[in-house]
Structures are given as C-alpha cells and as structure tokens.
Amino acid sequence: MPMQSPIGLDDLRHFFLIAEAGGVSAAARRFDISKATLSRAIARLEDQAKGPLFDRLSTGLQLTQAGEALMDAARQATEAGSSAENVLRTVIEEPQGALRVAASALSAQYLVSPVLARLTADYPLVTAHIKVTADGPDPLAEDLDLVLQLGRPQEPYLIARRIIGTPMKLYCGPDFAASHPVDDPQAVTELIRVCVDVPGTSHEWTLTGQDGVPVRFDKTPSVFAGDPSVALGLVRSGAGVTLLPALYGDMQVRRGDVVPVLPGHEAPAVEIFAVFPPRRSSVPAVRIFIDYLIEYANALVHRT
C-alpha cells in the first residue's frame, strides 16, 4: 500500500484560520488569503481524512468530529509557523519581509501611510500590509506585527510603546460655523454633536479654557460614529460638532475642511500607542517602523 503524502503545514494553518473565522469567505477577508487557496487546502486535508472536516450549514461551517480531532495539531502548526517566522525575521539585521499593521482610517492616512512610504523607500525588501479598523484588534490573535490605537491595551501580554500624546479639541464644518455661535461656550453646549464611539474616547466631554473654567457637554449625541474619519465626514456635511484628537483635527483645519470650535479650549489629552506581541519588538522592520512613527508624529505636533 503506497504511503500517503505528509500533511502540509500550510494546509493545517489554512484549516485553522477557516475554523477560527467560521468560514472560507470570512477567513479570506480577515486574513487576506484567497478563497481558492483556502478551499484547495481543505480539499487536500479532506482527501487525506477520507471524509469532511466541516459540515456546511446555512449559518456557516461547523467542525465535524474529524475536524475537531485535527484542531489541536492545526493550532500547534500555526503557532510553530508564526514562531519560526519571527525567529528568522529577528536574526536578519536589515528589515525585510512582510510588515502587518492595523490602524484606524485617520491614523492609517495621516500617520501610517507617510511612515510606510518612507520605510519601504529606505528598505525596499519590506512589504507592508495595512488593515484599516476602528476596533483595535488583538495583534496576537490577528497575526499582526503592530496595532496603532488610542490608549494602552488592557491585555497584559501585549507590549505598548507610546507614540505621541495629543489634546482633544472640538471641530465643526465651515457651513455649520457660519450659522452657529461656535465661540460662545454656553451656546456651543447646546449644539447638535457627533460622538466618535471608538475605544480610547469618551462620550462625556469636558473642556477647559485658559481661564480654567470647565465647559461640559451633557446633551445626547445625535450620531455615534464608529471611526474618527466618519465623524469628520459628518461634521464636514453639517451634522454638528465633534471631539477629535488635535493631531488629526488641526490638519483638517489647515486644509480648510473643518473649523475649530471654542478655540483655546481643550479636553484631556489622549495617547496613541503602538501595541504588539512581545517577540515582535526584536523584528528589525517593526523596530524601524516604530522609530520612524515616533519621529514623524513629533514632527507633526511641532508643525501645528
């Protein structure tokens, strides 16, 4: 009887990713792998198992008994492959290979993109992948090198490197400013507002001016936006007033897209952190990216 070919580690990894995501299409979107590649991996494994690894249900895929039995080996193969990749990336001094970064739309546009443009020009062997998300994904679970987020992570097993601190300020669209008293603290507290509903930001707004007198907002927001870029789009369209990190909002002011509300008033500062699994800090591309990021963010602050 001829010997079966050994099971490929890539097939095991793809099986694990599909099981984690709950389906081939979901895994393709989440992990940026083609559906054809994932489907072929499952077909090969099911051929060797002489039976299905998933039951195809209307709600998605569900592991069969054979699939359940294979999960532990697939998890170990995935973790071993990730560890081996990190080891090899660490011992190579010059940055190269894939660099996987996640950030909000605003951070991706105004911080990550210009930094990666410089990094890939300086180190052409680096291939950058940007995932745009407002959720602050766990980099370990998502196999990311680094996540840029507001505030420190709650997970104790992650490393956080402070990139920059920035005060929070109020902004609105030019048309809205032309028809509302945006310099009057009492009037501003009554204005319709947009709330950015993302981790690291508060729904309770308290700003303090140079006189030290706090201005509090207790009106229920008219819109909850899932990302700061959405909040900016809303206020540019006249939806009201929003509270944003000044690092991003002041850029929009210089471009004429938004207008500052209550100039001279600020909410407590927030901090932007680079969050990554412990072993990624020794990967050259990750180290260089963080150094470039801090340098660029500080240059932006001094430019304002």
Protein backbone atom coordinates (compact mmCIF):
# COMPACT_ATOMS: atom_id res chain seq x y z
CA MET A 1 0.00 0.00 0.00
CA PRO A 2 1.56 3.33 -1.04
CA MET A 3 2.46 5.79 1.68
CA GLN A 4 0.31 8.89 1.99
CA SER A 5 2.00 12.24 1.44
CA PRO A 6 2.66 14.10 4.70
CA ILE A 7 0.14 16.75 5.63
CA GLY A 8 1.39 20.20 4.67
CA LEU A 9 1.85 22.78 7.41
CA ASP A 10 0.26 25.45 5.20
CA ASP A 11 -2.83 23.28 4.80
CA LEU A 12 -3.08 22.88 8.57
CA ARG A 13 -2.67 26.62 9.08
CA HIS A 14 -5.37 27.41 6.49
CA PHE A 15 -7.70 24.87 8.11
CA PHE A 16 -7.13 26.54 11.49
CA LEU A 17 -7.79 30.04 10.08
CA ILE A 18 -11.04 28.89 8.47
CA ALA A 19 -12.16 27.30 11.73
CA GLU A 20 -11.28 30.49 13.64
CA ALA A 21 -13.13 32.75 11.20
CA GLY A 22 -16.13 30.45 10.81
CA GLY A 23 -15.98 30.09 7.04
CA VAL A 24 -13.85 30.30 3.91
CA SER A 25 -15.10 33.75 2.84
CA ALA A 26 -14.72 35.15 6.37
CA ALA A 27 -11.17 33.79 6.63
CA ALA A 28 -10.27 35.19 3.21
CA ARG A 29 -11.42 38.67 4.26
CA ARG A 30 -9.92 38.56 7.73
CA PHE A 31 -6.53 37.10 6.85
CA ASP A 32 -6.14 38.39 3.28
CA ILE A 33 -5.81 34.92 1.72
CA SER A 34 -7.62 33.98 -1.49
CA LYS A 35 -10.70 31.77 -1.19
CA ALA A 36 -9.23 29.44 -3.82
CA THR A 37 -6.11 28.84 -1.71
CA LEU A 38 -8.19 28.12 1.38
CA SER A 39 -10.59 25.83 -0.45
CA ARG A 40 -7.77 23.82 -2.02
CA ALA A 41 -6.17 23.34 1.42
CA ILE A 42 -9.42 21.96 2.84
CA ALA A 43 -9.90 19.71 -0.18
CA ARG A 44 -6.44 18.19 0.28
CA LEU A 45 -6.96 17.62 4.01
CA GLU A 46 -10.40 16.10 3.48
CA ASP A 47 -8.95 13.83 0.81
CA GLN A 48 -6.39 12.55 3.32
CA ALA A 49 -9.00 12.31 6.10
CA LYS A 50 -11.31 10.36 3.74
CA GLY A 51 -14.19 12.49 4.91
CA PRO A 52 -15.36 16.05 5.58
CA LEU A 53 -13.73 18.30 8.18
CA PHE A 54 -16.64 20.75 8.18
CA ASP A 55 -20.40 20.44 7.95
CA ARG A 56 -21.73 23.10 5.59
CA LEU A 57 -24.62 24.77 7.41
CA SER A 58 -26.75 27.75 6.40
CA THR A 59 -25.09 29.74 9.19
CA GLY A 60 -21.55 28.81 8.14
CA LEU A 61 -19.13 25.97 8.71
CA GLN A 62 -19.15 23.67 11.71
CA LEU A 63 -16.36 21.25 12.57
CA THR A 64 -17.08 17.55 12.17
CA GLN A 65 -15.69 15.00 14.60
CA ALA A 66 -12.65 14.61 12.33
CA GLY A 67 -12.24 18.38 12.19
CA GLU A 68 -12.37 18.64 15.97
CA ALA A 69 -9.70 15.96 16.25
CA LEU A 70 -7.44 17.88 13.87
CA MET A 71 -7.82 21.28 15.55
CA ASP A 72 -5.12 20.86 18.20
CA ALA A 73 -2.50 19.82 15.64
CA ALA A 74 -3.59 22.67 13.34
CA ARG A 75 -3.27 25.19 16.18
CA GLN A 76 0.20 23.94 17.05
CA ALA A 77 1.27 24.07 13.40
CA THR A 78 0.01 27.64 13.09
CA GLU A 79 1.80 28.76 16.26
CA ALA A 80 5.01 26.94 15.26
CA GLY A 81 4.98 28.56 11.83
CA SER A 82 4.45 32.02 13.34
CA SER A 83 7.25 31.46 15.88
CA ALA A 84 9.65 30.26 13.18
CA GLU A 85 8.86 33.27 11.02
CA ASN A 86 9.53 35.64 13.92
CA VAL A 87 12.85 33.93 14.71
CA LEU A 88 14.03 34.23 11.13
CA ARG A 89 12.89 37.85 10.87
CA THR A 90 14.74 38.66 14.10
CA VAL A 91 18.12 37.25 13.10
CA ILE A 92 18.11 39.19 9.81
CA GLU A 93 19.55 42.62 10.57
CA GLU A 94 18.18 44.50 7.57
CA PRO A 95 14.39 44.99 7.62
CA GLN A 96 12.69 42.75 5.07
CA GLY A 97 9.64 40.60 4.57
CA ALA A 98 6.03 41.31 5.50
CA LEU A 99 5.13 44.08 7.94
CA ARG A 100 1.50 43.84 9.06
CA VAL A 101 -0.01 46.96 10.66
CA ALA A 102 -3.56 47.82 11.76
CA ALA A 103 -4.89 51.32 12.47
CA SER A 104 -8.00 53.49 12.27
CA ALA A 105 -8.72 55.18 8.95
CA LEU A 106 -7.37 58.53 10.18
CA SER A 107 -4.23 57.05 11.72
CA ALA A 108 -3.67 54.97 8.59
CA GLN A 109 -3.98 58.02 6.36
CA TYR A 110 -2.07 60.61 8.36
CA LEU A 111 0.48 58.57 10.34
CA VAL A 112 0.94 55.07 8.99
CA SER A 113 0.89 55.81 5.25
CA PRO A 114 3.61 58.51 5.16
CA VAL A 115 5.78 56.47 7.52
CA LEU A 116 5.43 53.31 5.45
CA ALA A 117 6.17 55.30 2.29
CA ARG A 118 9.49 56.35 3.80
CA LEU A 119 10.25 52.91 5.28
CA THR A 120 9.60 50.98 2.06
CA ALA A 121 11.71 53.50 0.13
CA ASP A 122 14.60 53.09 2.59
CA TYR A 123 14.14 49.30 2.85
CA PRO A 124 12.66 48.00 -0.44
CA LEU A 125 12.70 44.38 0.78
CA VAL A 126 9.88 45.21 3.23
CA THR A 127 6.33 44.50 2.04
CA ALA A 128 3.77 46.44 4.09
CA HIS A 129 0.17 45.40 4.72
CA ILE A 130 -2.26 47.91 6.29
CA LYS A 131 -5.51 46.79 7.92
CA VAL A 132 -7.94 49.65 8.49
CA THR A 133 -10.14 49.09 11.54
CA ALA A 134 -11.58 51.08 14.41
CA ASP A 135 -11.82 48.05 16.69
CA GLY A 136 -8.24 47.89 17.95
CA PRO A 137 -7.78 44.18 17.13
CA ASP A 138 -5.59 41.91 19.25
CA PRO A 139 -2.36 41.69 17.23
CA LEU A 140 -1.59 38.24 18.62
CA ALA A 141 -4.95 36.80 17.61
CA GLU A 142 -4.91 38.50 14.21
CA ASP A 143 -1.24 37.71 13.48
CA LEU A 144 -0.39 41.41 13.17
CA ASP A 145 3.01 42.92 13.85
CA LEU A 146 1.59 46.10 15.32
CA VAL A 147 -1.69 47.88 16.06
CA LEU A 148 -1.91 51.66 16.41
CA GLN A 149 -4.58 52.64 18.95
CA LEU A 150 -5.74 55.29 21.39
CA GLY A 151 -4.83 54.36 24.97
CA ARG A 152 -2.94 51.44 26.45
CA PRO A 153 -4.17 47.92 25.74
CA GLN A 154 -5.97 46.06 28.51
CA GLU A 155 -4.31 42.75 27.62
CA PRO A 156 -1.34 42.25 29.97
CA TYR A 157 0.53 40.05 27.49
CA LEU A 158 0.90 42.85 24.90
CA ILE A 159 3.66 45.46 24.74
CA ALA A 160 2.69 49.14 24.34
CA ARG A 161 5.06 51.83 23.06
CA ARG A 162 3.84 55.43 23.36
CA ILE A 163 3.98 57.23 20.03
CA ILE A 164 2.55 60.67 20.84
CA GLY A 165 0.14 62.49 23.14
CA THR A 166 -2.43 64.91 21.75
CA PRO A 167 -5.18 67.04 23.33
CA MET A 168 -8.79 66.58 22.29
CA LYS A 169 -10.50 69.57 20.65
CA LEU A 170 -13.86 70.46 19.14
CA TYR A 171 -14.43 70.85 15.40
CA CYS A 172 -17.31 71.52 13.01
CA GLY A 173 -17.82 72.12 9.30
CA PRO A 174 -17.36 75.60 7.74
CA ASP A 175 -21.07 75.95 6.85
CA PHE A 176 -22.12 74.98 10.36
CA ALA A 177 -19.69 77.53 11.83
CA ALA A 178 -21.12 80.26 9.59
CA SER A 179 -24.60 79.82 11.07
CA HIS A 180 -23.83 78.96 14.72
CA PRO A 181 -22.05 80.83 17.56
CA VAL A 182 -19.09 78.43 17.83
CA ASP A 183 -17.06 80.84 20.02
CA ASP A 184 -19.67 81.05 22.81
CA PRO A 185 -19.23 78.29 25.44
CA GLN A 186 -22.84 78.47 26.61
CA ALA A 187 -24.23 78.26 23.09
CA VAL A 188 -21.84 75.52 22.00
CA THR A 189 -23.04 73.19 24.75
CA GLU A 190 -26.49 73.25 23.12
CA LEU A 191 -25.27 72.46 19.61
CA ILE A 192 -26.03 69.16 17.90
CA ARG A 193 -22.95 66.98 18.14
CA VAL A 194 -21.39 63.82 16.79
CA CYS A 195 -19.79 61.32 19.13
CA VAL A 196 -16.94 59.07 17.99
CA ASP A 197 -17.74 55.71 19.53
CA VAL A 198 -14.32 54.05 19.47
CA PRO A 199 -12.01 52.73 22.21
CA GLY A 200 -9.97 55.43 23.90
CA THR A 201 -12.54 58.22 23.51
CA SER A 202 -15.19 59.35 25.99
CA HIS A 203 -18.84 60.21 25.42
CA GLU A 204 -18.64 62.72 28.28
CA TRP A 205 -16.98 65.89 27.04
CA THR A 206 -15.40 68.38 29.45
CA LEU A 207 -13.13 71.07 28.06
CA THR A 208 -11.13 73.71 29.89
CA GLY A 209 -10.12 77.13 28.58
CA GLN A 210 -7.27 79.39 29.55
CA ASP A 211 -9.40 80.79 32.39
CA GLY A 212 -9.58 77.31 33.93
CA VAL A 213 -13.39 77.25 33.82
CA PRO A 214 -14.67 73.88 32.54
CA VAL A 215 -17.25 73.63 29.78
CA ARG A 216 -19.30 70.44 30.00
CA PHE A 217 -21.40 68.76 27.33
CA ASP A 218 -24.32 66.73 28.62
CA LYS A 219 -26.56 66.67 25.55
CA THR A 220 -27.20 63.26 24.00
CA PRO A 221 -25.22 62.93 20.75
CA SER A 222 -27.21 62.98 17.53
CA VAL A 223 -24.89 60.50 15.79
CA PHE A 224 -22.50 57.84 17.10
CA ALA A 225 -19.71 57.31 14.56
CA GLY A 226 -17.63 54.15 14.60
CA ASP A 227 -14.45 55.85 13.41
CA PRO A 228 -12.96 59.39 13.61
CA SER A 229 -12.87 59.61 9.80
CA VAL A 230 -16.64 59.07 9.74
CA ALA A 231 -17.08 61.80 12.37
CA LEU A 232 -15.08 64.19 10.20
CA GLY A 233 -17.22 63.36 7.19
CA LEU A 234 -20.35 64.04 9.21
CA VAL A 235 -19.26 67.42 10.53
CA ARG A 236 -17.99 68.48 7.11
CA SER A 237 -21.54 67.77 5.92
CA GLY A 238 -23.00 69.98 8.65
CA ALA A 239 -24.01 67.32 11.21
CA GLY A 240 -22.73 69.32 14.19
CA VAL A 241 -19.69 69.34 16.44
CA THR A 242 -17.28 66.52 17.19
CA LEU A 243 -14.41 65.97 19.63
CA LEU A 244 -11.26 64.63 17.98
CA PRO A 245 -7.53 64.28 18.68
CA ALA A 246 -5.98 67.63 17.75
CA LEU A 247 -3.22 65.81 15.89
CA TYR A 248 -5.78 64.95 13.22
CA GLY A 249 -8.33 67.73 13.63
CA ASP A 250 -5.80 70.56 13.27
CA MET A 251 -4.63 69.07 9.96
CA GLN A 252 -8.19 69.37 8.68
CA VAL A 253 -8.34 72.99 9.89
CA ARG A 254 -5.19 73.85 7.90
CA ARG A 255 -6.79 72.29 4.83
CA GLY A 256 -9.97 74.31 5.34
CA ASP A 257 -12.15 71.22 5.74
CA VAL A 258 -13.24 71.96 9.32
CA VAL A 259 -13.31 74.90 11.74
CA PRO A 260 -12.17 74.88 15.38
CA VAL A 261 -14.98 75.23 17.93
CA LEU A 262 -14.18 77.10 21.18
CA PRO A 263 -10.57 77.84 20.20
CA GLY A 264 -8.36 77.75 23.27
CA HIS A 265 -10.44 75.05 24.96
CA GLU A 266 -9.14 71.50 25.25
CA ALA A 267 -10.27 68.19 26.70
CA PRO A 268 -7.72 65.98 28.47
CA ALA A 269 -5.05 64.61 26.16
CA VAL A 270 -5.12 61.10 24.78
CA GLU A 271 -2.11 58.99 23.92
CA ILE A 272 -1.52 56.99 20.77
CA PHE A 273 0.26 53.69 21.33
CA ALA A 274 1.89 51.11 19.12
CA VAL A 275 0.75 47.75 20.51
CA PHE A 276 2.44 44.49 19.58
CA PRO A 277 3.20 40.96 20.82
CA PRO A 278 6.45 40.76 22.87
CA ARG A 279 8.56 38.90 20.31
CA ARG A 280 7.75 41.35 17.52
CA SER A 281 9.79 44.11 19.21
CA SER A 282 13.01 42.41 18.09
CA VAL A 283 11.97 42.21 14.43
CA PRO A 284 14.02 44.85 12.52
CA ALA A 285 11.11 46.07 10.37
CA VAL A 286 8.95 46.58 13.46
CA ARG A 287 11.69 48.45 15.34
CA ILE A 288 12.39 50.76 12.40
CA PHE A 289 8.69 51.38 11.81
CA ILE A 290 8.16 52.44 15.43
CA ASP A 291 11.22 54.74 15.35
CA TYR A 292 10.00 56.37 12.13
CA LEU A 293 6.48 56.66 13.54
CA ILE A 294 7.61 58.50 16.68
CA GLU A 295 9.82 60.83 14.66
CA TYR A 296 7.05 61.65 12.19
CA ALA A 297 4.34 62.13 14.86
CA ASN A 298 6.54 64.54 16.81
CA ALA A 299 7.27 66.49 13.61
CA LEU A 300 3.50 66.82 13.04
CA VAL A 301 2.95 68.20 16.55
CA HIS A 302 5.72 70.78 16.15
CA ARG A 303 4.27 71.80 12.80
CA THR A 304 0.94 72.82 14.41
